[in-house]
Amino acid sequence: MAFPLIDILIPTYEADPVHLRAAIESAIAQTETRWRLLVNDDHSESNVRSSVEPFMRDSRVFFLKNNRRYGIGGNWNLSLEKGEAEYVQFLFQDDVWEPTYLEKMLAALQAHPTAGFAAADHTYDCSESTANAYKYQEVRAIRNEILQNGLQSGQELLHTWIKRQLHPNLIGEPSFVMLRQSLIRQIGFFAEDLPQFLDVEYWLRALSKSDIVYVKENLGSFRVHPKGASAQNEESGAGIYDRLLCFDKLILTLPWFGKTMRIAKKARKDALVVMIRKFFERRKNKQKTPMSGNGKKMKMFALNHPLLVTGALLKALIK
């Protein structure tokens, strides 16, 4: 086949066969056909290949399996390394696109050369057991209130998002973001030490380097269920430190003086208060608050910023 215009990357781990097949089918049904699809499995114990093989009759579909488990961020990055086309698009194993998704995202980027990436509106398909399903609808409503259809200044959106303490994920999940290869080469790979916020941190870097184009049209569905990564992180508490650590990574990349740095430092202080309150609330409810991994990084953060942490702790305890 000719070199593809778009690389579709599906990082998988213990994928539900029904969901994975639906995702691949939605890719094959695209009106834009100049693509290559790579399923990169993160050393699942189940036979993920058996779900993909029927689609491999299409010469554009490929399957690879890692020789060991790399984790979510590691598998995203291994997939990203294999993306060589001018445009790169993730599609997660649970998600589906409308048939015109690739066509409309590609058209948006080609119409706006200063945009390094494009994001699209999408729905959230929440299972009946999803207790906080309403929050996903709120996220979608806020996103569509702030993002206007078409080209947006990366710096302006960055300021708006920081002022909101990075809440919610204004850009959205990677399944609904198309990236230029040139932007990926500029900003690098995902931060593997952020189990919950690795996409948010990546979008922040992208906004600091380029504009974004938003397609304000429902072009697919993100599936929410108890076995999904977000639900698992919420149960384990793995992501409770991510927002603050994300701010810390952002601040390290900003110029020492300027509007963005001032906004980011204030937002980091506010985010620290929220994180402390959430930490104590989880302890009170006997939920997990991991002290290894990013918990150790939080200890280092406290040692490096004792006055900031002390002030936030006092504010958090005085409700």
Protein backbone atom coordinates (compact mmCIF):
# COMPACT_ATOMS: atom_id res chain seq x y z
CA MET A 1 0.00 0.00 0.00
CA ALA A 2 1.04 3.62 -0.48
CA PHE A 3 2.39 5.48 2.56
CA PRO A 4 -0.68 6.39 4.66
CA LEU A 5 -1.82 9.94 5.29
CA ILE A 6 -3.12 9.02 8.77
CA ASP A 7 -1.85 6.48 11.29
CA ILE A 8 -4.60 5.13 13.55
CA LEU A 9 -3.14 3.77 16.79
CA ILE A 10 -5.13 1.42 19.05
CA PRO A 11 -3.19 0.65 22.28
CA THR A 12 -4.86 -2.32 23.97
CA TYR A 13 -4.73 -4.27 27.21
CA GLU A 14 -7.16 -7.06 28.08
CA ALA A 15 -9.63 -5.58 25.61
CA ASP A 16 -13.28 -6.57 25.64
CA PRO A 17 -13.59 -8.37 22.26
CA VAL A 18 -16.99 -6.82 21.51
CA HIS A 19 -15.78 -3.30 22.24
CA LEU A 20 -12.51 -3.73 20.34
CA ARG A 21 -14.27 -5.09 17.27
CA ALA A 22 -16.70 -2.16 17.35
CA ALA A 23 -13.76 0.28 17.52
CA ILE A 24 -12.00 -1.31 14.55
CA GLU A 25 -15.22 -1.50 12.56
CA SER A 26 -15.78 2.20 13.10
CA ALA A 27 -12.30 2.88 11.72
CA ILE A 28 -12.78 0.69 8.66
CA ALA A 29 -16.11 2.42 7.96
CA GLN A 30 -14.45 5.84 7.61
CA THR A 31 -15.18 7.89 4.51
CA GLU A 32 -11.51 8.97 4.55
CA THR A 33 -9.61 5.84 3.48
CA ARG A 34 -5.96 6.94 3.40
CA TRP A 35 -5.00 5.37 6.71
CA ARG A 36 -3.09 2.54 8.36
CA LEU A 37 -4.36 0.96 11.59
CA LEU A 38 -2.04 -0.53 14.21
CA VAL A 39 -3.29 -2.43 17.24
CA ASN A 40 -0.47 -2.47 19.81
CA ASP A 41 -1.26 -4.88 22.66
CA ASP A 42 0.43 -4.40 26.03
CA HIS A 43 1.20 -8.07 26.69
CA SER A 44 -2.36 -9.12 27.55
CA GLU A 45 -2.93 -12.61 28.91
CA SER A 46 -6.06 -12.94 26.80
CA ASN A 47 -5.86 -13.55 23.06
CA VAL A 48 -6.42 -10.03 21.74
CA ARG A 49 -5.04 -10.99 18.34
CA SER A 50 -8.01 -13.31 17.73
CA SER A 51 -10.31 -10.28 17.82
CA VAL A 52 -8.13 -8.39 15.35
CA GLU A 53 -7.28 -11.18 12.87
CA PRO A 54 -10.56 -11.07 10.90
CA PHE A 55 -9.86 -7.41 10.11
CA MET A 56 -6.28 -8.13 9.00
CA ARG A 57 -7.64 -9.27 5.66
CA ASP A 58 -7.58 -5.53 5.05
CA SER A 59 -3.93 -4.78 4.18
CA ARG A 60 -4.12 -1.55 6.19
CA VAL A 61 -4.68 -3.33 9.53
CA PHE A 62 -1.76 -4.62 11.65
CA PHE A 63 -1.30 -6.23 15.09
CA LEU A 64 1.73 -6.14 17.39
CA LYS A 65 2.19 -7.37 20.95
CA ASN A 66 4.69 -5.99 23.46
CA ASN A 67 7.18 -8.47 24.93
CA ARG A 68 6.24 -7.31 28.44
CA ARG A 69 3.73 -5.02 30.17
CA TYR A 70 4.58 -1.33 29.84
CA GLY A 71 1.47 0.22 31.41
CA ILE A 72 -0.93 2.76 29.95
CA GLY A 73 1.53 5.58 29.28
CA GLY A 74 4.24 3.20 28.09
CA ASN A 75 1.92 1.52 25.62
CA TRP A 76 0.64 4.86 24.34
CA ASN A 77 4.23 5.92 23.70
CA LEU A 78 5.23 2.63 22.07
CA SER A 79 2.23 3.06 19.77
CA LEU A 80 3.17 6.68 19.10
CA GLU A 81 6.70 5.65 18.13
CA LYS A 82 5.22 3.55 15.34
CA GLY A 83 3.15 6.42 13.95
CA GLU A 84 4.99 7.74 10.89
CA ALA A 85 2.23 9.37 8.87
CA GLU A 86 1.71 13.12 8.53
CA TYR A 87 -1.31 12.85 10.85
CA VAL A 88 -1.60 10.60 13.91
CA GLN A 89 -4.82 9.53 15.58
CA PHE A 90 -5.40 7.39 18.67
CA LEU A 91 -8.51 5.24 18.94
CA PHE A 92 -8.97 3.54 22.30
CA GLN A 93 -10.24 -0.04 22.49
CA ASP A 94 -13.64 0.98 23.92
CA ASP A 95 -14.42 3.97 21.70
CA VAL A 96 -16.11 4.41 18.32
CA TRP A 97 -16.19 7.08 15.61
CA GLU A 98 -18.87 8.37 13.32
CA PRO A 99 -18.04 7.45 9.66
CA THR A 100 -16.98 11.03 8.80
CA TYR A 101 -14.66 11.48 11.80
CA LEU A 102 -11.32 11.25 9.97
CA GLU A 103 -12.59 13.21 6.97
CA LYS A 104 -13.77 16.17 9.07
CA MET A 105 -10.77 16.25 11.39
CA LEU A 106 -8.37 16.13 8.46
CA ALA A 107 -10.25 18.92 6.69
CA ALA A 108 -10.12 21.06 9.84
CA LEU A 109 -6.35 20.72 10.16
CA GLN A 110 -5.70 21.27 6.46
CA ALA A 111 -7.80 24.44 6.57
CA HIS A 112 -5.82 25.83 9.53
CA PRO A 113 -2.03 25.41 9.09
CA THR A 114 -1.19 27.04 12.46
CA ALA A 115 -3.14 24.37 14.36
CA GLY A 116 -0.91 21.51 15.47
CA PHE A 117 -3.88 19.42 16.52
CA ALA A 118 -7.66 19.18 16.25
CA ALA A 119 -10.26 18.07 18.80
CA ALA A 120 -13.87 17.02 18.25
CA ASP A 121 -17.05 16.99 20.27
CA HIS A 122 -18.25 13.53 21.28
CA THR A 123 -20.73 11.83 23.58
CA TYR A 124 -20.10 9.66 26.64
CA ASP A 125 -21.61 6.18 26.64
CA CYS A 126 -21.89 5.44 30.37
CA SER A 127 -22.80 1.99 31.63
CA GLU A 128 -25.71 1.67 34.06
CA SER A 129 -23.25 1.06 36.91
CA THR A 130 -21.48 4.40 36.36
CA ALA A 131 -22.40 6.33 39.51
CA ASN A 132 -21.02 9.68 38.30
CA ALA A 133 -22.37 9.56 34.74
CA TYR A 134 -23.82 13.05 35.12
CA LYS A 135 -20.28 14.45 35.51
CA TYR A 136 -19.39 13.39 31.98
CA GLN A 137 -22.37 15.30 30.62
CA GLU A 138 -21.23 18.34 32.60
CA VAL A 139 -17.75 18.02 31.12
CA ARG A 140 -19.17 17.97 27.61
CA ALA A 141 -21.36 21.01 28.32
CA ILE A 142 -18.42 23.03 29.75
CA ARG A 143 -16.17 22.04 26.85
CA ASN A 144 -18.72 23.21 24.29
CA GLU A 145 -19.31 26.42 26.20
CA ILE A 146 -15.63 27.36 26.21
CA LEU A 147 -14.49 25.96 22.86
CA GLN A 148 -15.90 27.58 19.74
CA ASN A 149 -16.07 25.89 16.38
CA GLY A 150 -12.91 26.48 14.35
CA LEU A 151 -9.44 27.84 15.08
CA GLN A 152 -8.50 28.91 18.62
CA SER A 153 -5.35 30.50 20.01
CA GLY A 154 -3.31 27.92 21.90
CA GLN A 155 -1.98 30.51 24.37
CA GLU A 156 -5.41 31.98 25.11
CA LEU A 157 -6.96 28.57 25.68
CA LEU A 158 -3.98 27.62 27.85
CA HIS A 159 -4.60 30.65 30.09
CA THR A 160 -8.32 29.88 30.32
CA TRP A 161 -7.67 26.26 31.25
CA ILE A 162 -5.04 27.08 33.86
CA LYS A 163 -7.39 29.57 35.51
CA ARG A 164 -9.88 26.72 35.83
CA GLN A 165 -7.21 24.60 37.58
CA LEU A 166 -7.19 22.30 34.53
CA HIS A 167 -10.77 21.30 35.19
CA PRO A 168 -12.32 19.70 33.24
CA ASN A 169 -10.36 18.11 30.39
CA LEU A 170 -11.18 20.82 27.84
CA ILE A 171 -9.44 19.11 24.92
CA GLY A 172 -10.89 15.66 25.56
CA GLU A 173 -9.72 12.09 25.29
CA PRO A 174 -7.06 11.08 22.71
CA SER A 175 -9.62 9.09 20.69
CA PHE A 176 -11.05 12.45 19.60
CA VAL A 177 -7.84 14.39 18.99
CA MET A 178 -5.90 14.31 15.71
CA LEU A 179 -2.23 15.31 15.89
CA ARG A 180 0.16 16.55 13.25
CA GLN A 181 3.35 14.51 13.17
CA SER A 182 5.29 17.79 13.20
CA LEU A 183 3.79 18.70 16.60
CA ILE A 184 4.59 15.26 18.05
CA ARG A 185 8.23 15.68 17.02
CA GLN A 186 8.26 19.05 18.74
CA ILE A 187 6.69 18.12 22.11
CA GLY A 188 7.69 14.46 22.43
CA PHE A 189 5.87 11.63 24.18
CA PHE A 190 3.36 11.28 27.02
CA ALA A 191 4.44 11.57 30.68
CA GLU A 192 4.27 7.95 31.86
CA ASP A 193 4.33 8.91 35.57
CA LEU A 194 0.82 10.45 35.45
CA PRO A 195 -1.73 7.60 35.52
CA GLN A 196 -4.78 9.85 35.14
CA PHE A 197 -3.58 13.19 33.72
CA LEU A 198 -1.13 12.06 31.05
CA ASP A 199 -3.38 13.29 28.23
CA VAL A 200 -4.08 16.62 29.98
CA GLU A 201 -0.36 17.21 30.48
CA TYR A 202 0.26 16.43 26.81
CA TRP A 203 -2.46 18.87 25.66
CA LEU A 204 -0.87 21.59 27.82
CA ARG A 205 2.44 21.13 26.04
CA ALA A 206 0.65 21.14 22.70
CA LEU A 207 -1.20 24.38 23.48
CA SER A 208 2.04 26.06 24.54
CA LYS A 209 3.48 25.35 21.07
CA SER A 210 0.55 25.65 18.68
CA ASP A 211 -3.03 26.68 18.04
CA ILE A 212 -5.91 24.20 18.06
CA VAL A 213 -8.93 23.74 15.83
CA TYR A 214 -12.17 22.47 17.37
CA VAL A 215 -14.80 20.58 15.40
CA LYS A 216 -18.00 21.32 17.28
CA GLU A 217 -19.88 18.32 16.01
CA ASN A 218 -20.59 14.98 17.66
CA LEU A 219 -18.18 12.65 15.86
CA GLY A 220 -18.11 9.62 18.14
CA SER A 221 -18.58 8.07 21.55
CA PHE A 222 -16.27 7.51 24.52
CA ARG A 223 -17.28 4.45 26.51
CA VAL A 224 -17.33 4.74 30.32
CA HIS A 225 -17.49 1.55 32.38
CA PRO A 226 -16.16 0.13 35.69
CA LYS A 227 -13.21 -1.62 34.04
CA GLY A 228 -12.07 1.54 32.25
CA ALA A 229 -8.79 3.24 33.27
CA SER A 230 -10.51 6.30 34.79
CA ALA A 231 -12.77 4.15 36.97
CA GLN A 232 -9.85 1.97 38.08
CA ASN A 233 -7.77 5.05 38.96
CA GLU A 234 -10.64 6.52 40.97
CA GLU A 235 -10.99 3.30 42.96
CA SER A 236 -7.26 2.94 43.63
CA GLY A 237 -6.61 6.64 44.18
CA ALA A 238 -3.77 6.44 41.65
CA GLY A 239 -4.57 9.81 40.11
CA ILE A 240 -5.25 11.99 43.17
CA TYR A 241 -1.84 13.70 42.92
CA ASP A 242 -1.84 14.10 39.14
CA ARG A 243 -3.39 17.56 38.85
CA LEU A 244 -0.78 19.10 41.15
CA LEU A 245 2.11 17.21 39.56
CA CYS A 246 0.80 18.28 36.18
CA PHE A 247 0.99 21.93 37.28
CA ASP A 248 4.54 21.34 38.50
CA LYS A 249 5.58 19.94 35.12
CA LEU A 250 3.91 22.89 33.38
CA ILE A 251 5.62 25.49 35.56
CA LEU A 252 9.03 23.98 34.84
CA THR A 253 8.49 24.55 31.11
CA LEU A 254 7.23 28.16 31.32
CA PRO A 255 9.32 31.36 31.14
CA TRP A 256 10.21 32.51 34.65
CA PHE A 257 8.42 35.83 34.17
CA GLY A 258 5.17 36.55 32.45
CA LYS A 259 1.40 36.24 32.58
CA THR A 260 1.26 32.48 32.09
CA MET A 261 3.67 31.80 34.96
CA ARG A 262 1.72 34.03 37.35
CA ILE A 263 -1.57 32.34 36.42
CA ALA A 264 -0.02 28.87 36.74
CA LYS A 265 1.46 29.49 40.20
CA LYS A 266 -1.82 30.79 41.58
CA ALA A 267 -3.72 27.85 40.05
CA ARG A 268 -1.17 25.40 41.48
CA LYS A 269 -1.75 26.85 44.96
CA ASP A 270 -5.52 26.44 44.58
CA ALA A 271 -5.14 22.93 43.18
CA LEU A 272 -2.98 21.97 46.16
CA VAL A 273 -5.76 22.97 48.56
CA VAL A 274 -8.28 20.88 46.61
CA MET A 275 -5.91 17.90 46.53
CA ILE A 276 -5.31 18.05 50.30
CA ARG A 277 -9.05 18.15 50.97
CA LYS A 278 -9.60 15.19 48.66
CA PHE A 279 -6.77 13.28 50.36
CA PHE A 280 -8.33 13.69 53.81
CA GLU A 281 -11.81 12.93 52.46
CA ARG A 282 -10.57 9.64 51.00
CA ARG A 283 -8.87 8.80 54.30
CA LYS A 284 -12.09 9.57 56.19
CA ASN A 285 -14.07 7.30 53.85
CA LYS A 286 -11.38 4.59 54.13
CA GLN A 287 -10.55 4.83 50.44
CA LYS A 288 -7.06 4.19 49.11
CA THR A 289 -4.49 7.02 49.22
CA PRO A 290 -1.31 5.53 47.70
CA MET A 291 1.93 6.64 49.30
CA SER A 292 4.26 4.92 46.83
CA GLY A 293 4.80 6.04 43.23
CA ASN A 294 3.49 9.60 42.91
CA GLY A 295 2.90 9.60 46.66
CA LYS A 296 6.69 9.73 47.05
CA LYS A 297 6.83 12.62 44.58
CA MET A 298 4.31 14.48 46.72
CA LYS A 299 6.59 14.03 49.73
CA MET A 300 9.44 15.55 47.72
CA PHE A 301 7.13 18.37 46.62
CA ALA A 302 6.33 19.11 50.27
CA LEU A 303 10.03 19.18 51.15
CA ASN A 304 10.81 21.51 48.25
CA HIS A 305 7.85 23.84 48.91
CA PRO A 306 7.29 23.81 52.69
CA LEU A 307 5.65 27.27 52.92
CA LEU A 308 3.34 26.60 49.99
CA VAL A 309 2.24 23.25 51.44
CA THR A 310 1.81 24.61 54.98
CA GLY A 311 -0.36 27.48 53.73
CA ALA A 312 -2.46 25.15 51.60
CA LEU A 313 -2.85 22.70 54.49
CA LEU A 314 -4.16 25.42 56.79
CA LYS A 315 -6.55 26.67 54.13
CA ALA A 316 -7.74 23.14 53.40
CA LEU A 317 -8.52 22.47 57.06
CA ILE A 318 -10.46 25.75 57.45
CA LYS A 319 -13.57 25.13 55.36
